[in-house]
């Protein structure tokens, strides 16, 4: 999928991001949506919001150079909220039950990240591919989104941190906040390759009963 905005890749007759957006638009747990896209896709995103009649979308804005820059830009567009969920537009296979688990976990600890226990044995290797360590698998989870935070906690963390982070949970952890893991779903994969589209299409068909 090199050179293609994966969030608009067609799946079941609709752009991938539409399937994701529908989940949040229809959820009673979500009250406001900010859609962050690449600069070249903002106009397309605005057209999509209008055509789909999304009522919760208050802003469609361009992202930045890094993932965390894009999240920060999105946070700055939000108005008057206590909790915020950060989610990848290329992860359409989620449901209200997962959102509810995230909110409950965040209410307990202040921050929470979706994830699943890893199924494979993980090896830590050196630059020359020599195995250095085999972590205890029972302690390892693969992080996903949504990730749920107190709005002020996440925004302040973004303003305070300048180094690169792979996700928002890692950033908040670095600031000393407690982050709780909650169960995501193995089907909640992020589309990064053409093969992923085939897998996600099967999951979406199964969830819709078609």
N, C-alpha and C. Protein backbone atom coordinates (compact mmCIF):
# COMPACT_ATOMS: atom_id res chain seq x y z
N UNK A 1 0.82 -1.20 0.00
CA UNK A 1 0.00 0.00 0.00
C UNK A 1 0.86 1.26 0.00
N UNK A 2 2.10 1.12 -0.45
CA UNK A 2 3.02 2.24 -0.49
C UNK A 2 2.50 3.32 -1.44
N UNK A 3 2.55 4.58 -0.98
CA UNK A 3 2.11 5.68 -1.81
C UNK A 3 0.61 5.90 -1.79
N UNK A 4 -0.13 5.09 -1.04
CA UNK A 4 -1.59 5.20 -0.98
C UNK A 4 -2.00 5.54 0.45
N UNK A 5 -2.95 6.47 0.60
CA UNK A 5 -3.48 6.77 1.93
C UNK A 5 -4.36 5.61 2.34
N UNK A 6 -3.83 4.77 3.22
CA UNK A 6 -4.52 3.52 3.57
C UNK A 6 -5.88 3.78 4.22
N UNK A 7 -6.06 4.93 4.84
CA UNK A 7 -7.33 5.19 5.51
C UNK A 7 -8.48 5.32 4.52
N UNK A 8 -8.17 5.56 3.25
CA UNK A 8 -9.21 5.67 2.24
C UNK A 8 -9.22 4.49 1.28
N UNK A 9 -8.49 3.43 1.63
CA UNK A 9 -8.52 2.22 0.81
C UNK A 9 -9.93 1.64 0.82
N UNK A 10 -10.44 1.22 -0.33
CA UNK A 10 -11.82 0.71 -0.39
C UNK A 10 -11.95 -0.66 0.27
N UNK A 11 -13.02 -0.82 1.03
CA UNK A 11 -13.31 -2.10 1.66
C UNK A 11 -14.82 -2.22 1.81
N UNK A 12 -15.39 -3.26 1.24
CA UNK A 12 -16.84 -3.47 1.23
C UNK A 12 -17.58 -2.25 0.66
N UNK A 13 -16.97 -1.65 -0.36
CA UNK A 13 -17.63 -0.55 -1.06
C UNK A 13 -17.50 0.81 -0.42
N UNK A 14 -16.76 0.91 0.68
CA UNK A 14 -16.59 2.18 1.38
C UNK A 14 -15.13 2.37 1.75
N UNK A 15 -14.69 3.62 1.91
CA UNK A 15 -13.32 3.84 2.40
C UNK A 15 -13.15 3.23 3.78
N UNK A 16 -11.98 2.71 4.03
CA UNK A 16 -11.68 2.07 5.32
C UNK A 16 -12.05 2.96 6.50
N UNK A 17 -11.70 4.24 6.42
CA UNK A 17 -11.94 5.14 7.54
C UNK A 17 -13.43 5.33 7.83
N UNK A 18 -14.28 5.13 6.84
CA UNK A 18 -15.73 5.25 7.06
C UNK A 18 -16.20 4.17 8.04
N UNK A 19 -15.70 2.97 7.87
CA UNK A 19 -16.09 1.88 8.79
C UNK A 19 -15.69 2.23 10.23
N UNK A 20 -14.51 2.83 10.37
CA UNK A 20 -14.05 3.23 11.70
C UNK A 20 -14.89 4.38 12.24
N UNK A 21 -15.11 5.38 11.41
CA UNK A 21 -15.87 6.55 11.84
C UNK A 21 -17.30 6.18 12.23
N UNK A 22 -17.90 5.26 11.49
CA UNK A 22 -19.27 4.85 11.80
C UNK A 22 -19.37 4.31 13.23
N UNK A 23 -18.35 3.58 13.66
CA UNK A 23 -18.38 3.00 15.01
C UNK A 23 -18.46 4.09 16.07
N UNK A 24 -17.72 5.17 15.86
CA UNK A 24 -17.70 6.25 16.84
C UNK A 24 -18.92 7.15 16.70
N UNK A 25 -19.34 7.41 15.48
CA UNK A 25 -20.52 8.25 15.26
C UNK A 25 -21.77 7.63 15.88
N UNK A 26 -21.88 6.32 15.82
CA UNK A 26 -23.07 5.64 16.31
C UNK A 26 -23.00 5.27 17.79
N UNK A 27 -21.84 5.44 18.40
CA UNK A 27 -21.69 5.04 19.80
C UNK A 27 -22.26 6.10 20.75
N UNK A 28 -23.10 5.70 21.69
CA UNK A 28 -23.61 6.65 22.69
C UNK A 28 -22.54 7.08 23.68
N UNK A 29 -21.39 6.42 23.65
CA UNK A 29 -20.30 6.76 24.57
C UNK A 29 -19.44 7.90 24.06
N UNK A 30 -19.62 8.26 22.79
CA UNK A 30 -18.78 9.28 22.14
C UNK A 30 -19.63 10.51 21.83
N UNK A 31 -19.11 11.68 22.18
CA UNK A 31 -19.88 12.91 22.00
C UNK A 31 -19.26 13.89 21.02
N UNK A 32 -17.98 13.74 20.75
CA UNK A 32 -17.29 14.65 19.84
C UNK A 32 -16.18 13.90 19.13
N UNK A 33 -16.01 14.18 17.84
CA UNK A 33 -14.98 13.51 17.04
C UNK A 33 -14.15 14.55 16.32
N UNK A 34 -12.84 14.42 16.40
CA UNK A 34 -11.92 15.20 15.58
C UNK A 34 -11.18 14.21 14.68
N UNK A 35 -11.26 14.44 13.40
CA UNK A 35 -10.63 13.56 12.41
C UNK A 35 -9.33 14.20 11.94
N UNK A 36 -8.22 13.52 12.16
CA UNK A 36 -6.90 14.02 11.77
C UNK A 36 -6.40 13.18 10.59
N UNK A 37 -6.08 13.86 9.50
CA UNK A 37 -5.68 13.19 8.27
C UNK A 37 -4.39 13.80 7.73
N UNK A 38 -3.80 13.14 6.77
CA UNK A 38 -2.66 13.74 6.08
C UNK A 38 -3.12 15.00 5.36
N UNK A 39 -2.22 15.92 5.17
CA UNK A 39 -2.57 17.21 4.55
C UNK A 39 -3.28 17.02 3.22
N UNK A 40 -2.84 16.05 2.44
CA UNK A 40 -3.41 15.84 1.11
C UNK A 40 -4.81 15.22 1.16
N UNK A 41 -5.21 14.70 2.31
CA UNK A 41 -6.50 14.01 2.42
C UNK A 41 -7.56 14.81 3.17
N UNK A 42 -7.22 16.00 3.64
CA UNK A 42 -8.17 16.78 4.44
C UNK A 42 -9.43 17.11 3.67
N UNK A 43 -9.29 17.58 2.43
CA UNK A 43 -10.48 17.93 1.64
C UNK A 43 -11.35 16.71 1.41
N UNK A 44 -10.72 15.58 1.12
CA UNK A 44 -11.47 14.34 0.93
C UNK A 44 -12.19 13.95 2.22
N UNK A 45 -11.53 14.16 3.34
CA UNK A 45 -12.15 13.85 4.62
C UNK A 45 -13.35 14.73 4.91
N UNK A 46 -13.26 16.01 4.58
CA UNK A 46 -14.38 16.92 4.78
C UNK A 46 -15.57 16.53 3.91
N UNK A 47 -15.29 16.13 2.68
CA UNK A 47 -16.36 15.66 1.79
C UNK A 47 -17.03 14.42 2.37
N UNK A 48 -16.22 13.51 2.88
CA UNK A 48 -16.75 12.28 3.46
C UNK A 48 -17.66 12.59 4.65
N UNK A 49 -17.23 13.48 5.52
CA UNK A 49 -18.03 13.85 6.70
C UNK A 49 -19.38 14.41 6.27
N UNK A 50 -19.36 15.25 5.25
CA UNK A 50 -20.60 15.86 4.77
C UNK A 50 -21.51 14.82 4.13
N UNK A 51 -20.93 13.97 3.30
CA UNK A 51 -21.72 12.96 2.60
C UNK A 51 -22.32 11.93 3.55
N UNK A 52 -21.58 11.58 4.59
CA UNK A 52 -22.06 10.58 5.55
C UNK A 52 -22.99 11.19 6.60
N UNK A 53 -23.02 12.50 6.67
CA UNK A 53 -23.89 13.15 7.64
C UNK A 53 -23.45 12.98 9.08
N UNK A 54 -22.14 12.91 9.31
CA UNK A 54 -21.63 12.77 10.66
C UNK A 54 -21.92 14.03 11.48
N UNK A 55 -22.62 13.87 12.58
CA UNK A 55 -23.00 15.02 13.40
C UNK A 55 -22.04 15.27 14.56
N UNK A 56 -21.21 14.29 14.89
CA UNK A 56 -20.30 14.45 16.03
C UNK A 56 -18.95 15.03 15.63
N UNK A 57 -18.68 15.10 14.33
CA UNK A 57 -17.38 15.60 13.87
C UNK A 57 -17.37 17.12 13.96
N UNK A 58 -16.49 17.65 14.79
CA UNK A 58 -16.39 19.10 14.96
C UNK A 58 -15.21 19.69 14.21
N UNK A 59 -14.29 18.84 13.75
CA UNK A 59 -13.12 19.34 13.03
C UNK A 59 -12.50 18.23 12.21
N UNK A 60 -12.03 18.59 11.02
CA UNK A 60 -11.18 17.73 10.20
C UNK A 60 -9.90 18.51 9.97
N UNK A 61 -8.80 18.04 10.50
CA UNK A 61 -7.57 18.83 10.43
C UNK A 61 -6.40 17.99 9.92
N UNK A 62 -5.37 18.70 9.48
CA UNK A 62 -4.17 18.04 8.97
C UNK A 62 -3.27 17.62 10.12
N UNK A 63 -2.63 16.49 9.96
CA UNK A 63 -1.69 16.00 10.95
C UNK A 63 -0.32 16.61 10.77
N UNK A 64 0.64 16.10 11.53
CA UNK A 64 2.00 16.62 11.47
C UNK A 64 2.99 15.59 10.98
N UNK A 65 4.26 15.88 11.18
CA UNK A 65 5.32 15.00 10.69
C UNK A 65 5.33 13.67 11.43
N UNK A 66 5.13 13.73 12.74
CA UNK A 66 5.13 12.52 13.55
C UNK A 66 3.71 12.19 14.01
N UNK A 67 3.51 10.93 14.38
CA UNK A 67 2.20 10.53 14.89
C UNK A 67 1.79 11.39 16.07
N UNK A 68 2.72 11.62 16.99
CA UNK A 68 2.38 12.39 18.18
C UNK A 68 2.05 13.84 17.85
N UNK A 69 2.64 14.39 16.79
CA UNK A 69 2.27 15.74 16.36
C UNK A 69 0.83 15.76 15.89
N UNK A 70 0.44 14.73 15.16
CA UNK A 70 -0.94 14.64 14.66
C UNK A 70 -1.92 14.54 15.82
N UNK A 71 -1.58 13.73 16.82
CA UNK A 71 -2.47 13.60 17.98
C UNK A 71 -2.58 14.94 18.70
N UNK A 72 -1.47 15.64 18.87
CA UNK A 72 -1.51 16.93 19.55
C UNK A 72 -2.39 17.93 18.80
N UNK A 73 -2.25 17.97 17.48
CA UNK A 73 -3.09 18.87 16.69
C UNK A 73 -4.57 18.55 16.89
N UNK A 74 -4.88 17.26 16.94
CA UNK A 74 -6.27 16.86 17.16
C UNK A 74 -6.77 17.25 18.54
N UNK A 75 -5.93 17.06 19.55
CA UNK A 75 -6.32 17.43 20.91
C UNK A 75 -6.63 18.91 21.01
N UNK A 76 -5.87 19.71 20.30
CA UNK A 76 -6.07 21.16 20.36
C UNK A 76 -7.36 21.60 19.70
N UNK A 77 -7.98 20.72 18.93
CA UNK A 77 -9.25 21.03 18.28
C UNK A 77 -10.45 20.68 19.15
N UNK A 78 -10.22 19.90 20.20
CA UNK A 78 -11.33 19.47 21.06
C UNK A 78 -11.79 20.59 21.98
N UNK A 79 -13.04 20.52 22.38
CA UNK A 79 -13.59 21.54 23.28
C UNK A 79 -14.21 20.88 24.50
N UNK A 80 -13.90 21.42 25.66
CA UNK A 80 -14.58 21.11 26.92
C UNK A 80 -14.87 19.62 27.12
N UNK A 81 -13.81 18.82 27.26
CA UNK A 81 -14.04 17.40 27.53
C UNK A 81 -13.13 16.96 28.67
N UNK A 82 -13.58 15.96 29.41
CA UNK A 82 -12.78 15.42 30.51
C UNK A 82 -11.96 14.23 30.06
N UNK A 83 -12.54 13.40 29.18
CA UNK A 83 -11.87 12.19 28.71
C UNK A 83 -11.71 12.24 27.20
N UNK A 84 -10.64 11.64 26.72
CA UNK A 84 -10.41 11.58 25.28
C UNK A 84 -9.95 10.18 24.90
N UNK A 85 -10.44 9.71 23.76
CA UNK A 85 -9.99 8.45 23.18
C UNK A 85 -9.17 8.76 21.93
N UNK A 86 -8.01 8.16 21.83
CA UNK A 86 -7.18 8.27 20.62
C UNK A 86 -7.27 6.94 19.90
N UNK A 87 -7.65 6.99 18.62
CA UNK A 87 -7.84 5.75 17.88
C UNK A 87 -7.30 5.88 16.46
N UNK A 88 -6.74 4.79 15.95
CA UNK A 88 -6.23 4.74 14.57
C UNK A 88 -7.39 4.61 13.60
N UNK A 89 -7.43 5.48 12.60
CA UNK A 89 -8.48 5.39 11.59
C UNK A 89 -8.45 4.10 10.81
N UNK A 90 -7.29 3.43 10.80
CA UNK A 90 -7.14 2.18 10.06
C UNK A 90 -7.42 0.95 10.91
N UNK A 91 -8.12 1.14 12.04
CA UNK A 91 -8.56 0.02 12.89
C UNK A 91 -10.09 0.06 12.98
N UNK A 92 -10.79 -0.54 12.04
CA UNK A 92 -12.26 -0.45 12.05
C UNK A 92 -12.97 -1.52 12.86
N UNK A 93 -12.25 -2.53 13.33
CA UNK A 93 -12.92 -3.69 13.95
C UNK A 93 -12.99 -3.55 15.47
N UNK A 94 -13.77 -2.58 15.91
CA UNK A 94 -13.99 -2.39 17.34
C UNK A 94 -15.48 -2.23 17.58
N UNK A 95 -15.88 -2.28 18.85
CA UNK A 95 -17.30 -2.15 19.17
C UNK A 95 -17.48 -1.37 20.46
N UNK A 96 -18.73 -1.13 20.82
CA UNK A 96 -19.02 -0.36 22.03
C UNK A 96 -18.52 -1.04 23.29
N UNK A 97 -18.53 -2.36 23.30
CA UNK A 97 -18.05 -3.09 24.48
C UNK A 97 -16.58 -2.77 24.75
N UNK A 98 -15.79 -2.65 23.68
CA UNK A 98 -14.38 -2.31 23.85
C UNK A 98 -14.23 -0.88 24.36
N UNK A 99 -15.02 0.03 23.81
CA UNK A 99 -14.97 1.42 24.27
C UNK A 99 -15.34 1.50 25.75
N UNK A 100 -16.35 0.74 26.14
CA UNK A 100 -16.78 0.73 27.53
C UNK A 100 -15.68 0.20 28.44
N UNK A 101 -15.02 -0.87 28.02
CA UNK A 101 -13.91 -1.41 28.82
C UNK A 101 -12.81 -0.37 28.99
N UNK A 102 -12.55 0.37 27.92
CA UNK A 102 -11.53 1.40 27.99
C UNK A 102 -11.88 2.52 28.95
N UNK A 103 -13.11 2.96 28.91
CA UNK A 103 -13.55 4.03 29.81
C UNK A 103 -13.51 3.57 31.27
N UNK A 104 -13.91 2.33 31.51
CA UNK A 104 -13.91 1.81 32.87
C UNK A 104 -12.47 1.68 33.40
N UNK A 105 -11.57 1.21 32.55
CA UNK A 105 -10.17 1.07 32.97
C UNK A 105 -9.54 2.44 33.23
N UNK A 106 -9.85 3.40 32.37
CA UNK A 106 -9.30 4.75 32.54
C UNK A 106 -9.87 5.42 33.79
N UNK A 107 -11.13 5.17 34.08
CA UNK A 107 -11.74 5.74 35.28
C UNK A 107 -11.04 5.23 36.54
N UNK A 108 -10.53 4.02 36.46
CA UNK A 108 -9.84 3.41 37.60
C UNK A 108 -8.43 3.94 37.77
N UNK A 109 -7.73 4.14 36.65
CA UNK A 109 -6.30 4.48 36.74
C UNK A 109 -5.94 5.84 36.18
N UNK A 110 -6.83 6.46 35.42
CA UNK A 110 -6.54 7.75 34.80
C UNK A 110 -6.16 7.65 33.34
N UNK A 111 -5.58 6.52 32.95
CA UNK A 111 -5.18 6.28 31.56
C UNK A 111 -5.29 4.79 31.27
N UNK A 112 -5.64 4.45 30.03
CA UNK A 112 -5.79 3.03 29.69
C UNK A 112 -5.52 2.81 28.22
N UNK A 113 -5.00 1.64 27.90
CA UNK A 113 -4.67 1.30 26.52
C UNK A 113 -5.21 -0.08 26.20
N UNK A 114 -5.84 -0.21 25.03
CA UNK A 114 -6.32 -1.51 24.57
C UNK A 114 -5.14 -2.39 24.19
N UNK A 115 -5.32 -3.69 24.37
CA UNK A 115 -4.27 -4.61 23.98
C UNK A 115 -4.74 -6.05 24.07
N UNK A 116 -3.91 -6.95 23.59
CA UNK A 116 -4.21 -8.38 23.66
C UNK A 116 -2.95 -9.12 24.08
N UNK A 117 -3.10 -10.21 24.84
CA UNK A 117 -1.94 -11.03 25.19
C UNK A 117 -1.28 -11.58 23.92
N UNK A 118 0.04 -11.54 23.87
CA UNK A 118 0.73 -12.07 22.69
C UNK A 118 0.59 -13.58 22.66
N UNK A 119 0.50 -14.13 21.46
CA UNK A 119 0.36 -15.57 21.30
C UNK A 119 1.69 -16.26 21.01
N UNK A 120 2.61 -15.52 20.44
CA UNK A 120 3.90 -16.09 20.06
C UNK A 120 4.96 -15.79 21.11
N UNK A 121 5.99 -16.61 21.14
CA UNK A 121 7.15 -16.32 21.97
C UNK A 121 7.91 -15.15 21.35
N UNK A 122 8.28 -14.18 22.17
CA UNK A 122 8.96 -12.98 21.70
C UNK A 122 10.44 -13.07 22.04
N UNK A 123 11.29 -12.70 21.09
CA UNK A 123 12.73 -12.69 21.29
C UNK A 123 13.25 -11.26 21.19
N UNK A 124 14.11 -10.88 22.11
CA UNK A 124 14.84 -9.62 22.00
C UNK A 124 16.17 -9.93 21.33
N UNK A 125 16.46 -9.24 20.22
CA UNK A 125 17.67 -9.56 19.46
C UNK A 125 18.57 -8.33 19.34
N UNK A 126 19.84 -8.58 19.08
CA UNK A 126 20.81 -7.51 18.86
C UNK A 126 20.77 -7.07 17.40
N UNK A 127 21.60 -6.09 17.07
CA UNK A 127 21.63 -5.58 15.70
C UNK A 127 22.04 -6.66 14.69
N UNK A 128 22.80 -7.66 15.13
CA UNK A 128 23.22 -8.73 14.21
C UNK A 128 22.29 -9.95 14.30
N UNK A 129 21.10 -9.74 14.89
CA UNK A 129 20.06 -10.78 14.97
C UNK A 129 20.37 -11.89 15.96
N UNK A 130 21.30 -11.65 16.86
CA UNK A 130 21.58 -12.62 17.91
C UNK A 130 20.56 -12.45 19.04
N UNK A 131 19.97 -13.56 19.48
CA UNK A 131 18.98 -13.49 20.54
C UNK A 131 19.65 -13.08 21.85
N UNK A 132 19.12 -12.04 22.47
CA UNK A 132 19.66 -11.54 23.73
C UNK A 132 18.81 -11.96 24.93
N UNK A 133 17.51 -12.11 24.69
CA UNK A 133 16.61 -12.37 25.81
C UNK A 133 15.30 -12.94 25.28
N UNK A 134 14.66 -13.77 26.08
CA UNK A 134 13.32 -14.27 25.78
C UNK A 134 12.41 -13.89 26.94
N UNK A 135 11.66 -12.79 26.81
CA UNK A 135 10.80 -12.34 27.91
C UNK A 135 9.70 -13.36 28.22
N UNK A 136 9.24 -13.35 29.44
CA UNK A 136 8.15 -14.23 29.86
C UNK A 136 6.88 -13.83 29.11
N UNK A 137 6.37 -14.73 28.29
CA UNK A 137 5.24 -14.41 27.42
C UNK A 137 3.99 -14.00 28.19
N UNK A 138 3.79 -14.56 29.36
CA UNK A 138 2.57 -14.26 30.12
C UNK A 138 2.50 -12.80 30.55
N UNK A 139 3.63 -12.10 30.48
CA UNK A 139 3.67 -10.70 30.88
C UNK A 139 3.55 -9.74 29.70
N UNK A 140 3.49 -10.28 28.49
CA UNK A 140 3.54 -9.44 27.30
C UNK A 140 2.17 -9.27 26.64
N UNK A 141 1.82 -8.05 26.35
CA UNK A 141 0.61 -7.72 25.61
C UNK A 141 0.99 -6.86 24.41
N UNK A 142 0.27 -7.02 23.31
CA UNK A 142 0.44 -6.16 22.14
C UNK A 142 -0.52 -4.98 22.26
N UNK A 143 0.01 -3.78 22.27
CA UNK A 143 -0.81 -2.59 22.44
C UNK A 143 -1.58 -2.26 21.17
N UNK A 144 -2.79 -1.77 21.35
CA UNK A 144 -3.65 -1.35 20.25
C UNK A 144 -4.19 0.05 20.56
N UNK A 145 -5.16 0.47 19.79
CA UNK A 145 -6.01 1.60 20.14
C UNK A 145 -7.44 1.07 20.10
N UNK A 146 -8.39 1.70 20.81
CA UNK A 146 -8.29 3.03 21.42
C UNK A 146 -7.46 3.06 22.69
N UNK A 147 -6.90 4.25 22.93
CA UNK A 147 -6.23 4.56 24.17
C UNK A 147 -6.98 5.72 24.81
N UNK A 148 -7.24 5.61 26.10
CA UNK A 148 -8.15 6.53 26.79
C UNK A 148 -7.40 7.27 27.90
N UNK A 149 -7.59 8.59 27.94
CA UNK A 149 -6.87 9.41 28.91
C UNK A 149 -7.77 10.55 29.42
N UNK A 150 -7.41 11.06 30.58
CA UNK A 150 -7.95 12.36 30.95
C UNK A 150 -7.39 13.37 29.95
N UNK A 151 -8.25 14.21 29.44
CA UNK A 151 -7.83 15.15 28.39
C UNK A 151 -6.63 15.97 28.82
N UNK A 152 -6.67 16.52 30.02
CA UNK A 152 -5.60 17.40 30.47
C UNK A 152 -4.30 16.64 30.64
N UNK A 153 -4.39 15.41 31.12
CA UNK A 153 -3.19 14.58 31.28
C UNK A 153 -2.49 14.37 29.95
N UNK A 154 -3.26 14.03 28.93
CA UNK A 154 -2.65 13.74 27.63
C UNK A 154 -2.12 15.01 26.98
N UNK A 155 -2.88 16.09 27.02
CA UNK A 155 -2.42 17.32 26.38
C UNK A 155 -1.17 17.86 27.06
N UNK A 156 -1.15 17.86 28.39
CA UNK A 156 0.03 18.33 29.11
C UNK A 156 1.24 17.46 28.80
N UNK A 157 1.03 16.16 28.65
CA UNK A 157 2.13 15.25 28.32
C UNK A 157 2.69 15.57 26.94
N UNK A 158 1.80 15.87 26.01
CA UNK A 158 2.27 16.23 24.66
C UNK A 158 3.07 17.52 24.68
N UNK A 159 2.66 18.47 25.47
CA UNK A 159 3.39 19.73 25.54
C UNK A 159 4.74 19.57 26.24
N UNK A 160 4.81 18.63 27.17
CA UNK A 160 6.03 18.46 27.96
C UNK A 160 7.08 17.59 27.28
N UNK A 161 6.65 16.70 26.39
CA UNK A 161 7.56 15.71 25.79
C UNK A 161 7.99 16.13 24.39
N UNK A 162 9.28 16.04 24.13
CA UNK A 162 9.80 16.36 22.80
C UNK A 162 10.36 15.14 22.09
N UNK A 163 10.74 14.10 22.84
CA UNK A 163 11.29 12.90 22.20
C UNK A 163 10.19 12.11 21.50
N UNK A 164 10.60 11.21 20.62
CA UNK A 164 9.64 10.43 19.86
C UNK A 164 9.08 9.28 20.70
N UNK A 165 7.77 9.05 20.54
CA UNK A 165 7.10 7.92 21.19
C UNK A 165 6.29 7.16 20.15
N UNK A 166 6.17 5.85 20.36
CA UNK A 166 5.42 5.04 19.40
C UNK A 166 3.92 5.10 19.63
N UNK A 167 3.51 5.46 20.84
CA UNK A 167 2.08 5.67 21.09
C UNK A 167 1.90 6.62 22.26
N UNK A 168 0.66 7.05 22.47
CA UNK A 168 0.38 8.02 23.51
C UNK A 168 0.56 7.43 24.90
N UNK A 169 0.27 6.15 25.05
CA UNK A 169 0.45 5.51 26.35
C UNK A 169 1.90 5.58 26.81
N UNK A 170 2.84 5.36 25.89
CA UNK A 170 4.26 5.43 26.24
C UNK A 170 4.64 6.83 26.69
N UNK A 171 4.06 7.83 26.04
CA UNK A 171 4.33 9.21 26.42
C UNK A 171 3.83 9.50 27.84
N UNK A 172 2.60 9.09 28.11
CA UNK A 172 2.01 9.33 29.42
C UNK A 172 2.78 8.55 30.50
N UNK A 173 3.19 7.32 30.17
CA UNK A 173 4.00 6.53 31.10
C UNK A 173 5.28 7.27 31.46
N UNK A 174 5.91 7.89 30.46
CA UNK A 174 7.18 8.58 30.68
C UNK A 174 7.04 9.76 31.63
N UNK A 175 5.81 10.27 31.76
CA UNK A 175 5.54 11.39 32.66
C UNK A 175 5.20 10.92 34.08
N UNK A 176 5.23 9.60 34.28
CA UNK A 176 5.00 9.06 35.61
C UNK A 176 3.57 8.68 35.92
N UNK A 177 2.69 8.78 34.93
CA UNK A 177 1.29 8.41 35.15
C UNK A 177 1.11 6.90 35.06
N UNK A 178 0.13 6.40 35.80
CA UNK A 178 -0.21 4.98 35.75
C UNK A 178 -1.10 4.73 34.54
N UNK A 179 -0.78 3.71 33.78
CA UNK A 179 -1.55 3.33 32.59
C UNK A 179 -2.00 1.89 32.75
N UNK A 180 -3.28 1.66 32.61
CA UNK A 180 -3.85 0.31 32.76
C UNK A 180 -4.14 -0.28 31.38
N UNK A 181 -3.85 -1.56 31.23
CA UNK A 181 -4.19 -2.27 29.99
C UNK A 181 -5.58 -2.87 30.12
N UNK A 182 -6.38 -2.72 29.04
CA UNK A 182 -7.67 -3.39 29.01
C UNK A 182 -7.75 -4.23 27.74
N UNK A 183 -8.63 -5.21 27.75
CA UNK A 183 -8.69 -6.16 26.65
C UNK A 183 -9.26 -5.51 25.39
N UNK A 184 -8.47 -5.54 24.33
CA UNK A 184 -8.94 -5.10 23.03
C UNK A 184 -9.57 -6.28 22.31
N UNK A 185 -9.05 -6.62 21.14
CA UNK A 185 -9.54 -7.79 20.41
C UNK A 185 -8.50 -8.18 19.37
N UNK A 186 -8.36 -9.48 19.14
CA UNK A 186 -7.39 -9.92 18.14
C UNK A 186 -7.78 -9.47 16.74
N UNK A 187 -9.08 -9.27 16.51
CA UNK A 187 -9.51 -8.79 15.19
C UNK A 187 -9.33 -7.28 15.03
N UNK A 188 -8.97 -6.60 16.11
CA UNK A 188 -8.80 -5.14 16.08
C UNK A 188 -7.42 -4.79 15.51
N UNK A 189 -7.15 -5.26 14.31
CA UNK A 189 -5.84 -5.04 13.70
C UNK A 189 -5.80 -3.70 12.97
N UNK A 190 -4.60 -3.19 12.82
CA UNK A 190 -4.39 -1.95 12.08
C UNK A 190 -4.00 -2.30 10.65
N UNK A 191 -4.70 -1.75 9.68
CA UNK A 191 -4.41 -2.03 8.28
C UNK A 191 -3.14 -1.30 7.87
N UNK A 192 -2.12 -2.07 7.52
CA UNK A 192 -0.87 -1.49 7.04
C UNK A 192 -0.44 -2.08 5.70
N UNK A 193 -1.00 -3.22 5.33
CA UNK A 193 -0.66 -3.87 4.06
C UNK A 193 -1.93 -4.27 3.32
N UNK A 194 -1.77 -4.62 2.06
CA UNK A 194 -2.91 -5.09 1.28
C UNK A 194 -3.50 -6.37 1.87
N UNK A 195 -2.64 -7.22 2.42
CA UNK A 195 -3.13 -8.46 3.05
C UNK A 195 -4.03 -8.15 4.25
N UNK A 196 -3.70 -7.09 4.97
CA UNK A 196 -4.52 -6.70 6.12
C UNK A 196 -5.94 -6.34 5.69
N UNK A 197 -6.08 -5.74 4.52
CA UNK A 197 -7.41 -5.38 4.01
C UNK A 197 -8.28 -6.62 3.85
N UNK A 198 -7.69 -7.70 3.36
CA UNK A 198 -8.43 -8.94 3.17
C UNK A 198 -8.92 -9.48 4.51
N UNK A 199 -8.04 -9.43 5.51
CA UNK A 199 -8.39 -9.92 6.84
C UNK A 199 -9.48 -9.07 7.47
N UNK A 200 -9.33 -7.76 7.39
CA UNK A 200 -10.31 -6.85 7.98
C UNK A 200 -11.66 -6.98 7.29
N UNK A 201 -11.64 -7.16 5.98
CA UNK A 201 -12.91 -7.34 5.25
C UNK A 201 -13.66 -8.56 5.78
N UNK A 202 -12.93 -9.63 6.04
CA UNK A 202 -13.57 -10.84 6.57
C UNK A 202 -14.15 -10.58 7.96
N UNK A 203 -13.41 -9.87 8.79
CA UNK A 203 -13.91 -9.54 10.14
C UNK A 203 -15.16 -8.66 10.06
N UNK A 204 -15.13 -7.66 9.17
CA UNK A 204 -16.28 -6.76 9.05
C UNK A 204 -17.51 -7.50 8.53
N UNK A 205 -17.30 -8.40 7.59
CA UNK A 205 -18.42 -9.20 7.09
C UNK A 205 -19.02 -10.05 8.21
N UNK A 206 -18.15 -10.65 9.00
CA UNK A 206 -18.62 -11.51 10.08
C UNK A 206 -19.39 -10.71 11.13
N UNK A 207 -18.91 -9.50 11.44
CA UNK A 207 -19.57 -8.70 12.47
C UNK A 207 -20.91 -8.16 12.01
N UNK A 208 -21.06 -8.00 10.68
CA UNK A 208 -22.33 -7.49 10.15
C UNK A 208 -23.30 -8.62 9.83
N UNK A 209 -22.81 -9.86 9.91
CA UNK A 209 -23.66 -11.02 9.64
C UNK A 209 -23.89 -11.29 8.18
N UNK A 210 -23.10 -10.62 7.32
CA UNK A 210 -23.27 -10.82 5.87
C UNK A 210 -22.34 -11.89 5.35
